[in-house]
Amino acid sequence: MELTKNFKNELLKRKEVKILLEHIGSPKNEDVKKMIAQEFKSDENLVVVNTIKGKFGRKTFLIDVFVYNSMDDLNKTEQKPKKKAGAVA
């Protein structure tokens, strides 16, 4: 795992991180969250994986991640999923 960008966004109270990861097969969001949480000594629930980009035939992936300071900051900034029409709760 190679850290390519680590920007602390004071306005949104989060770290904006880009990493270059060498992995066999496409890495899963849960695996990336665990790695980032361990790296930054944060809770997994405060980590949001935006994108995992890879190119065909390569083992390297560019991953864009946000690490929030608190759950309150995460809820203020991130969009909440929309409910589907006709779905029974």
PDB file of N, CA and C in Angstrom:
ATOM      1  N   MET A   1       0.850  -1.173   0.000  1.00  0.00           N
ATOM      2  CA  MET A   1       0.000   0.000   0.000  1.00  0.00           C
ATOM      3  C   MET A   1       0.896   1.236   0.000  1.00  0.00           C
ATOM      4  N   GLU A   2       0.706   2.090  -1.001  1.00  0.00           N
ATOM      5  CA  GLU A   2       1.492   3.311  -1.130  1.00  0.00           C
ATOM      6  C   GLU A   2       0.558   4.514  -1.052  1.00  0.00           C
ATOM      7  N   LEU A   3       0.820   5.406  -0.119  1.00  0.00           N
ATOM      8  CA  LEU A   3       0.021   6.601   0.080  1.00  0.00           C
ATOM      9  C   LEU A   3       0.444   7.643  -0.944  1.00  0.00           C
ATOM     10  N   THR A   4      -0.480   8.070  -1.832  1.00  0.00           N
ATOM     11  CA  THR A   4      -0.136   9.060  -2.847  1.00  0.00           C
ATOM     12  C   THR A   4      -0.647  10.449  -2.490  1.00  0.00           C
ATOM     13  N   LYS A   5      -1.701  10.547  -1.680  1.00  0.00           N
ATOM     14  CA  LYS A   5      -2.230  11.843  -1.270  1.00  0.00           C
ATOM     15  C   LYS A   5      -2.844  11.709   0.115  1.00  0.00           C
ATOM     16  N   ASN A   6      -2.553  12.669   0.973  1.00  0.00           N
ATOM     17  CA  ASN A   6      -3.143  12.713   2.305  1.00  0.00           C
ATOM     18  C   ASN A   6      -3.433  14.175   2.611  1.00  0.00           C
ATOM     19  N   PHE A   7      -4.672  14.608   2.362  1.00  0.00           N
ATOM     20  CA  PHE A   7      -5.069  15.998   2.533  1.00  0.00           C
ATOM     21  C   PHE A   7      -6.064  16.098   3.680  1.00  0.00           C
ATOM     22  N   LYS A   8      -5.782  16.987   4.627  1.00  0.00           N
ATOM     23  CA  LYS A   8      -6.687  17.177   5.755  1.00  0.00           C
ATOM     24  C   LYS A   8      -7.626  18.330   5.428  1.00  0.00           C
ATOM     25  N   ASN A   9      -8.895  18.027   5.261  1.00  0.00           N
ATOM     26  CA  ASN A   9      -9.911  19.018   4.924  1.00  0.00           C
ATOM     27  C   ASN A   9     -10.561  19.495   6.220  1.00  0.00           C
ATOM     28  N   GLU A  10     -10.169  20.685   6.671  1.00  0.00           N
ATOM     29  CA  GLU A  10     -10.670  21.220   7.933  1.00  0.00           C
ATOM     30  C   GLU A  10     -12.147  21.614   7.840  1.00  0.00           C
ATOM     31  N   LEU A  11     -12.580  22.065   6.674  1.00  0.00           N
ATOM     32  CA  LEU A  11     -13.963  22.503   6.505  1.00  0.00           C
ATOM     33  C   LEU A  11     -14.942  21.342   6.692  1.00  0.00           C
ATOM     34  N   LEU A  12     -14.660  20.211   6.071  1.00  0.00           N
ATOM     35  CA  LEU A  12     -15.551  19.049   6.159  1.00  0.00           C
ATOM     36  C   LEU A  12     -15.130  18.074   7.261  1.00  0.00           C
ATOM     37  N   LYS A  13     -14.058  18.389   7.971  1.00  0.00           N
ATOM     38  CA  LYS A  13     -13.572  17.598   9.105  1.00  0.00           C
ATOM     39  C   LYS A  13     -13.315  16.137   8.718  1.00  0.00           C
ATOM     40  N   ARG A  14     -12.434  15.988   7.702  1.00  0.00           N
ATOM     41  CA  ARG A  14     -12.088  14.651   7.234  1.00  0.00           C
ATOM     42  C   ARG A  14     -10.704  14.677   6.597  1.00  0.00           C
ATOM     43  N   LYS A  15     -10.137  13.484   6.419  1.00  0.00           N
ATOM     44  CA  LYS A  15      -8.903  13.314   5.667  1.00  0.00           C
ATOM     45  C   LYS A  15      -9.286  12.742   4.312  1.00  0.00           C
ATOM     46  N   GLU A  16      -8.754  13.326   3.253  1.00  0.00           N
ATOM     47  CA  GLU A  16      -8.987  12.833   1.902  1.00  0.00           C
ATOM     48  C   GLU A  16      -7.718  12.116   1.468  1.00  0.00           C
ATOM     49  N   VAL A  17      -7.843  10.816   1.271  1.00  0.00           N
ATOM     50  CA  VAL A  17      -6.681   9.958   1.062  1.00  0.00           C
ATOM     51  C   VAL A  17      -6.799   9.243  -0.274  1.00  0.00           C
ATOM     52  N   LYS A  18      -5.671   9.188  -0.988  1.00  0.00           N
ATOM     53  CA  LYS A  18      -5.577   8.365  -2.198  1.00  0.00           C
ATOM     54  C   LYS A  18      -4.424   7.409  -1.991  1.00  0.00           C
ATOM     55  N   ILE A  19      -4.676   6.136  -2.258  1.00  0.00           N
ATOM     56  CA  ILE A  19      -3.626   5.134  -2.105  1.00  0.00           C
ATOM     57  C   ILE A  19      -3.502   4.320  -3.385  1.00  0.00           C
ATOM     58  N   LEU A  20      -2.326   3.791  -3.602  1.00  0.00           N
ATOM     59  CA  LEU A  20      -2.058   2.875  -4.701  1.00  0.00           C
ATOM     60  C   LEU A  20      -1.825   1.517  -4.069  1.00  0.00           C
ATOM     61  N   LEU A  21      -2.693   0.564  -4.372  1.00  0.00           N
ATOM     62  CA  LEU A  21      -2.662  -0.746  -3.738  1.00  0.00           C
ATOM     63  C   LEU A  21      -2.386  -1.820  -4.773  1.00  0.00           C
ATOM     64  N   GLU A  22      -1.446  -2.698  -4.455  1.00  0.00           N
ATOM     65  CA  GLU A  22      -1.177  -3.845  -5.316  1.00  0.00           C
ATOM     66  C   GLU A  22      -1.910  -5.039  -4.716  1.00  0.00           C
ATOM     67  N   HIS A  23      -2.825  -5.620  -5.493  1.00  0.00           N
ATOM     68  CA  HIS A  23      -3.709  -6.660  -4.973  1.00  0.00           C
ATOM     69  C   HIS A  23      -4.058  -7.611  -6.103  1.00  0.00           C
ATOM     70  N   ILE A  24      -4.125  -8.884  -5.804  1.00  0.00           N
ATOM     71  CA  ILE A  24      -4.551  -9.864  -6.797  1.00  0.00           C
ATOM     72  C   ILE A  24      -6.075  -9.880  -6.795  1.00  0.00           C
ATOM     73  N   GLY A  25      -6.685  -9.561  -7.894  1.00  0.00           N
ATOM     74  CA  GLY A  25      -8.138  -9.442  -7.962  1.00  0.00           C
ATOM     75  C   GLY A  25      -8.563  -8.095  -7.411  1.00  0.00           C
ATOM     76  N   SER A  26      -9.805  -7.764  -7.641  1.00  0.00           N
ATOM     77  CA  SER A  26     -10.318  -6.474  -7.197  1.00  0.00           C
ATOM     78  C   SER A  26     -10.536  -6.470  -5.684  1.00  0.00           C
ATOM     79  N   PRO A  27      -9.980  -5.484  -4.959  1.00  0.00           N
ATOM     80  CA  PRO A  27     -10.174  -5.442  -3.502  1.00  0.00           C
ATOM     81  C   PRO A  27     -11.607  -5.056  -3.152  1.00  0.00           C
ATOM     82  N   LYS A  28     -12.131  -5.615  -2.110  1.00  0.00           N
ATOM     83  CA  LYS A  28     -13.498  -5.323  -1.664  1.00  0.00           C
ATOM     84  C   LYS A  28     -13.487  -4.098  -0.756  1.00  0.00           C
ATOM     85  N   ASN A  29     -14.630  -3.396  -0.721  1.00  0.00           N
ATOM     86  CA  ASN A  29     -14.760  -2.196   0.108  1.00  0.00           C
ATOM     87  C   ASN A  29     -14.463  -2.487   1.574  1.00  0.00           C
ATOM     88  N   GLU A  30     -14.933  -3.619   2.085  1.00  0.00           N
ATOM     89  CA  GLU A  30     -14.730  -3.962   3.488  1.00  0.00           C
ATOM     90  C   GLU A  30     -13.245  -4.145   3.798  1.00  0.00           C
ATOM     91  N   ASP A  31     -12.506  -4.782   2.871  1.00  0.00           N
ATOM     92  CA  ASP A  31     -11.070  -4.988   3.068  1.00  0.00           C
ATOM     93  C   ASP A  31     -10.321  -3.657   3.071  1.00  0.00           C
ATOM     94  N   VAL A  32     -10.714  -2.772   2.161  1.00  0.00           N
ATOM     95  CA  VAL A  32     -10.074  -1.456   2.085  1.00  0.00           C
ATOM     96  C   VAL A  32     -10.365  -0.658   3.354  1.00  0.00           C
ATOM     97  N   LYS A  33     -11.606  -0.719   3.845  1.00  0.00           N
ATOM     98  CA  LYS A  33     -11.965  -0.006   5.075  1.00  0.00           C
ATOM     99  C   LYS A  33     -11.120  -0.479   6.247  1.00  0.00           C
ATOM    100  N   LYS A  34     -10.912  -1.799   6.357  1.00  0.00           N
ATOM    101  CA  LYS A  34     -10.106  -2.350   7.451  1.00  0.00           C
ATOM    102  C   LYS A  34      -8.664  -1.863   7.364  1.00  0.00           C
ATOM    103  N   MET A  35      -8.091  -1.879   6.155  1.00  0.00           N
ATOM    104  CA  MET A  35      -6.706  -1.445   5.978  1.00  0.00           C
ATOM    105  C   MET A  35      -6.540   0.032   6.322  1.00  0.00           C
ATOM    106  N   ILE A  36      -7.455   0.867   5.856  1.00  0.00           N
ATOM    107  CA  ILE A  36      -7.369   2.301   6.112  1.00  0.00           C
ATOM    108  C   ILE A  36      -7.579   2.588   7.594  1.00  0.00           C
ATOM    109  N   ALA A  37      -8.530   1.909   8.216  1.00  0.00           N
ATOM    110  CA  ALA A  37      -8.788   2.115   9.643  1.00  0.00           C
ATOM    111  C   ALA A  37      -7.556   1.746  10.475  1.00  0.00           C
ATOM    112  N   GLN A  38      -6.873   0.674  10.107  1.00  0.00           N
ATOM    113  CA  GLN A  38      -5.652   0.292  10.819  1.00  0.00           C
ATOM    114  C   GLN A  38      -4.536   1.297  10.577  1.00  0.00           C
ATOM    115  N   GLU A  39      -4.413   1.766   9.344  1.00  0.00           N
ATOM    116  CA  GLU A  39      -3.342   2.702   8.986  1.00  0.00           C
ATOM    117  C   GLU A  39      -3.482   4.031   9.730  1.00  0.00           C
ATOM    118  N   PHE A  40      -4.714   4.555   9.815  1.00  0.00           N
ATOM    119  CA  PHE A  40      -4.949   5.856  10.428  1.00  0.00           C
ATOM    120  C   PHE A  40      -5.474   5.759  11.857  1.00  0.00           C
ATOM    121  N   LYS A  41      -5.500   4.552  12.402  1.00  0.00           N
ATOM    122  CA  LYS A  41      -5.957   4.314  13.777  1.00  0.00           C
ATOM    123  C   LYS A  41      -7.323   4.954  14.018  1.00  0.00           C
ATOM    124  N   SER A  42      -8.263   4.572  13.150  1.00  0.00           N
ATOM    125  CA  SER A  42      -9.619   5.113  13.194  1.00  0.00           C
ATOM    126  C   SER A  42     -10.618   3.960  13.223  1.00  0.00           C
ATOM    127  N   ASP A  43     -11.876   4.301  13.430  1.00  0.00           N
ATOM    128  CA  ASP A  43     -12.952   3.318  13.418  1.00  0.00           C
ATOM    129  C   ASP A  43     -13.345   3.020  11.971  1.00  0.00           C
ATOM    130  N   GLU A  44     -13.669   1.772  11.673  1.00  0.00           N
ATOM    131  CA  GLU A  44     -14.073   1.396  10.312  1.00  0.00           C
ATOM    132  C   GLU A  44     -15.341   2.108   9.863  1.00  0.00           C
ATOM    133  N   ASN A  45     -16.221   2.455  10.799  1.00  0.00           N
ATOM    134  CA  ASN A  45     -17.469   3.135  10.450  1.00  0.00           C
ATOM    135  C   ASN A  45     -17.242   4.566   9.999  1.00  0.00           C
ATOM    136  N   LEU A  46     -16.077   5.130  10.264  1.00  0.00           N
ATOM    137  CA  LEU A  46     -15.767   6.499   9.871  1.00  0.00           C
ATOM    138  C   LEU A  46     -15.042   6.575   8.532  1.00  0.00           C
ATOM    139  N   VAL A  47     -14.814   5.431   7.901  1.00  0.00           N
ATOM    140  CA  VAL A  47     -14.111   5.362   6.621  1.00  0.00           C
ATOM    141  C   VAL A  47     -15.131   5.176   5.504  1.00  0.00           C
ATOM    142  N   VAL A  48     -15.052   6.032   4.472  1.00  0.00           N
ATOM    143  CA  VAL A  48     -15.938   5.941   3.311  1.00  0.00           C
ATOM    144  C   VAL A  48     -15.068   5.730   2.074  1.00  0.00           C
ATOM    145  N   VAL A  49     -15.281   4.620   1.369  1.00  0.00           N
ATOM    146  CA  VAL A  49     -14.543   4.320   0.148  1.00  0.00           C
ATOM    147  C   VAL A  49     -15.324   4.915  -1.023  1.00  0.00           C
ATOM    148  N   ASN A  50     -14.710   5.874  -1.724  1.00  0.00           N
ATOM    149  CA  ASN A  50     -15.376   6.510  -2.857  1.00  0.00           C
ATOM    150  C   ASN A  50     -15.216   5.683  -4.126  1.00  0.00           C
ATOM    151  N   THR A  51     -13.974   5.460  -4.535  1.00  0.00           N
ATOM    152  CA  THR A  51     -13.734   4.735  -5.778  1.00  0.00           C
ATOM    153  C   THR A  51     -12.587   3.752  -5.618  1.00  0.00           C
ATOM    154  N   ILE A  52     -12.694   2.672  -6.383  1.00  0.00           N
ATOM    155  CA  ILE A  52     -11.602   1.717  -6.546  1.00  0.00           C
ATOM    156  C   ILE A  52     -11.435   1.560  -8.053  1.00  0.00           C
ATOM    157  N   LYS A  53     -10.347   2.119  -8.583  1.00  0.00           N
ATOM    158  CA  LYS A  53     -10.120   2.099 -10.022  1.00  0.00           C
ATOM    159  C   LYS A  53      -8.953   1.186 -10.354  1.00  0.00           C
ATOM    160  N   GLY A  54      -9.179   0.328 -11.321  1.00  0.00           N
ATOM    161  CA  GLY A  54      -8.131  -0.559 -11.788  1.00  0.00           C
ATOM    162  C   GLY A  54      -8.153  -0.621 -13.299  1.00  0.00           C
ATOM    163  N   LYS A  55      -7.055  -1.063 -13.875  1.00  0.00           N
ATOM    164  CA  LYS A  55      -6.988  -1.227 -15.321  1.00  0.00           C
ATOM    165  C   LYS A  55      -6.872  -2.704 -15.639  1.00  0.00           C
ATOM    166  N   PHE A  56      -7.415  -3.091 -16.773  1.00  0.00           N
ATOM    167  CA  PHE A  56      -7.440  -4.488 -17.178  1.00  0.00           C
ATOM    168  C   PHE A  56      -6.022  -5.044 -17.265  1.00  0.00           C
ATOM    169  N   GLY A  57      -5.814  -6.181 -16.619  1.00  0.00           N
ATOM    170  CA  GLY A  57      -4.533  -6.871 -16.696  1.00  0.00           C
ATOM    171  C   GLY A  57      -3.498  -6.398 -15.704  1.00  0.00           C
ATOM    172  N   ARG A  58      -3.814  -5.398 -14.897  1.00  0.00           N
ATOM    173  CA  ARG A  58      -2.848  -4.900 -13.922  1.00  0.00           C
ATOM    174  C   ARG A  58      -3.279  -5.285 -12.512  1.00  0.00           C
ATOM    175  N   LYS A  59      -2.321  -5.336 -11.616  1.00  0.00           N
ATOM    176  CA  LYS A  59      -2.600  -5.706 -10.237  1.00  0.00           C
ATOM    177  C   LYS A  59      -2.627  -4.484  -9.326  1.00  0.00           C
ATOM    178  N   THR A  60      -2.539  -3.281  -9.886  1.00  0.00           N
ATOM    179  CA  THR A  60      -2.533  -2.070  -9.075  1.00  0.00           C
ATOM    180  C   THR A  60      -3.879  -1.362  -9.183  1.00  0.00           C
ATOM    181  N   PHE A  61      -4.321  -0.817  -8.060  1.00  0.00           N
ATOM    182  CA  PHE A  61      -5.608  -0.132  -7.987  1.00  0.00           C
ATOM    183  C   PHE A  61      -5.410   1.221  -7.319  1.00  0.00           C
ATOM    184  N   LEU A  62      -6.052   2.249  -7.864  1.00  0.00           N
ATOM    185  CA  LEU A  62      -6.056   3.578  -7.270  1.00  0.00           C
ATOM    186  C   LEU A  62      -7.345   3.713  -6.469  1.00  0.00           C
ATOM    187  N   ILE A  63      -7.213   3.946  -5.169  1.00  0.00           N
ATOM    188  CA  ILE A  63      -8.360   3.952  -4.264  1.00  0.00           C
ATOM    189  C   ILE A  63      -8.478   5.325  -3.625  1.00  0.00           C
ATOM    190  N   ASP A  64      -9.692   5.891  -3.681  1.00  0.00           N
ATOM    191  CA  ASP A  64      -9.995   7.200  -3.119  1.00  0.00           C
ATOM    192  C   ASP A  64     -10.871   7.003  -1.885  1.00  0.00           C
ATOM    193  N   VAL A  65     -10.424   7.521  -0.733  1.00  0.00           N
ATOM    194  CA  VAL A  65     -11.082   7.251   0.550  1.00  0.00           C
ATOM    195  C   VAL A  65     -11.205   8.540   1.361  1.00  0.00           C
ATOM    196  N   PHE A  66     -12.293   8.662   2.129  1.00  0.00           N
ATOM    197  CA  PHE A  66     -12.452   9.730   3.110  1.00  0.00           C
ATOM    198  C   PHE A  66     -12.436   9.101   4.503  1.00  0.00           C
ATOM    199  N   VAL A  67     -11.710   9.716   5.432  1.00  0.00           N
ATOM    200  CA  VAL A  67     -11.680   9.285   6.826  1.00  0.00           C
ATOM    201  C   VAL A  67     -12.197  10.454   7.655  1.00  0.00           C
ATOM    202  N   TYR A  68     -13.371  10.294   8.245  1.00  0.00           N
ATOM    203  CA  TYR A  68     -14.008  11.367   9.012  1.00  0.00           C
ATOM    204  C   TYR A  68     -13.539  11.355  10.457  1.00  0.00           C
ATOM    205  N   ASN A  69     -13.658  12.533  11.103  1.00  0.00           N
ATOM    206  CA  ASN A  69     -13.256  12.664  12.505  1.00  0.00           C
ATOM    207  C   ASN A  69     -14.276  12.045  13.450  1.00  0.00           C
ATOM    208  N   SER A  70     -15.572  12.164  13.115  1.00  0.00           N
ATOM    209  CA  SER A  70     -16.617  11.621  13.987  1.00  0.00           C
ATOM    210  C   SER A  70     -17.801  11.184  13.137  1.00  0.00           C
ATOM    211  N   MET A  71     -18.690  10.411  13.740  1.00  0.00           N
ATOM    212  CA  MET A  71     -19.878   9.929  13.046  1.00  0.00           C
ATOM    213  C   MET A  71     -20.810  11.095  12.709  1.00  0.00           C
ATOM    214  N   ASP A  72     -20.844  12.108  13.557  1.00  0.00           N
ATOM    215  CA  ASP A  72     -21.663  13.279  13.314  1.00  0.00           C
ATOM    216  C   ASP A  72     -21.192  14.018  12.051  1.00  0.00           C
ATOM    217  N   ASP A  73     -19.877  14.151  11.875  1.00  0.00           N
ATOM    218  CA  ASP A  73     -19.323  14.796  10.680  1.00  0.00           C
ATOM    219  C   ASP A  73     -19.645  13.988   9.427  1.00  0.00           C
ATOM    220  N   LEU A  74     -19.584  12.673   9.529  1.00  0.00           N
ATOM    221  CA  LEU A  74     -19.906  11.800   8.399  1.00  0.00           C
ATOM    222  C   LEU A  74     -21.366  11.964   7.994  1.00  0.00           C
ATOM    223  N   ASN A  75     -22.280  11.975   8.959  1.00  0.00           N
ATOM    224  CA  ASN A  75     -23.707  12.084   8.663  1.00  0.00           C
ATOM    225  C   ASN A  75     -24.069  13.439   8.073  1.00  0.00           C
ATOM    226  N   LYS A  76     -23.345  14.491   8.443  1.00  0.00           N
ATOM    227  CA  LYS A  76     -23.626  15.821   7.899  1.00  0.00           C
ATOM    228  C   LYS A  76     -23.206  15.936   6.445  1.00  0.00           C
ATOM    229  N   THR A  77     -22.152  15.228   6.055  1.00  0.00           N
ATOM    230  CA  THR A  77     -21.550  15.408   4.741  1.00  0.00           C
ATOM    231  C   THR A  77     -22.028  14.398   3.697  1.00  0.00           C
ATOM    232  N   GLU A  78     -22.061  13.125   4.046  1.00  0.00           N
ATOM    233  CA  GLU A  78     -22.367  12.075   3.076  1.00  0.00           C
ATOM    234  C   GLU A  78     -23.861  11.996   2.772  1.00  0.00           C
ATOM    235  N   GLN A  79     -24.175  11.633   1.527  1.00  0.00           N
ATOM    236  CA  GLN A  79     -25.569  11.461   1.126  1.00  0.00           C
ATOM    237  C   GLN A  79     -26.116  10.180   1.718  1.00  0.00           C
ATOM    238  N   LYS A  80     -27.373  10.238   2.060  1.00  0.00           N
ATOM    239  CA  LYS A  80     -28.045   9.048   2.564  1.00  0.00           C
ATOM    240  C   LYS A  80     -28.704   8.342   1.387  1.00  0.00           C
ATOM    241  N   PRO A  81     -28.700   7.003   1.360  1.00  0.00           N
ATOM    242  CA  PRO A  81     -29.299   6.288   0.234  1.00  0.00           C
ATOM    243  C   PRO A  81     -30.802   6.536   0.156  1.00  0.00           C
ATOM    244  N   LYS A  82     -31.284   6.684  -1.070  1.00  0.00           N
ATOM    245  CA  LYS A  82     -32.715   6.906  -1.278  1.00  0.00           C
ATOM    246  C   LYS A  82     -33.463   5.598  -1.158  1.00  0.00           C
ATOM    247  N   LYS A  83     -34.683   5.684  -0.689  1.00  0.00           N
ATOM    248  CA  LYS A  83     -35.527   4.485  -0.619  1.00  0.00           C
ATOM    249  C   LYS A  83     -36.188   4.282  -1.973  1.00  0.00           C
ATOM    250  N   LYS A  84     -36.305   3.030  -2.362  1.00  0.00           N
ATOM    251  CA  LYS A  84     -36.926   2.710  -3.643  1.00  0.00           C
ATOM    252  C   LYS A  84     -38.428   2.843  -3.523  1.00  0.00           C
ATOM    253  N   ALA A  85     -39.059   3.272  -4.587  1.00  0.00           N
ATOM    254  CA  ALA A  85     -40.514   3.423  -4.596  1.00  0.00           C
ATOM    255  C   ALA A  85     -41.169   2.046  -4.506  1.00  0.00           C
ATOM    256  N   GLY A  86     -42.153   1.912  -3.685  1.00  0.00           N
ATOM    257  CA  GLY A  86     -42.875   0.653  -3.553  1.00  0.00           C
ATOM    258  C   GLY A  86     -42.206  -0.350  -2.644  1.00  0.00           C
ATOM    259  N   ALA A  87     -41.093   0.009  -2.057  1.00  0.00           N
ATOM    260  CA  ALA A  87     -40.395  -0.920  -1.175  1.00  0.00           C
ATOM    261  C   ALA A  87     -41.125  -0.966   0.178  1.00  0.00           C
ATOM    262  N   VAL A  88     -41.277  -2.155   0.692  1.00  0.00           N
ATOM    263  CA  VAL A  88     -41.943  -2.336   1.969  1.00  0.00           C
ATOM    264  C   VAL A  88     -40.864  -2.384   3.050  1.00  0.00           C
ATOM    265  N   ALA A  89     -41.015  -1.556   4.081  1.00  0.00           N
ATOM    266  CA  ALA A  89     -40.009  -1.505   5.137  1.00  0.00           C
ATOM    267  C   ALA A  89     -40.381  -2.366   6.298  1.00  0.00           C
TER     268      ALA A  89
END
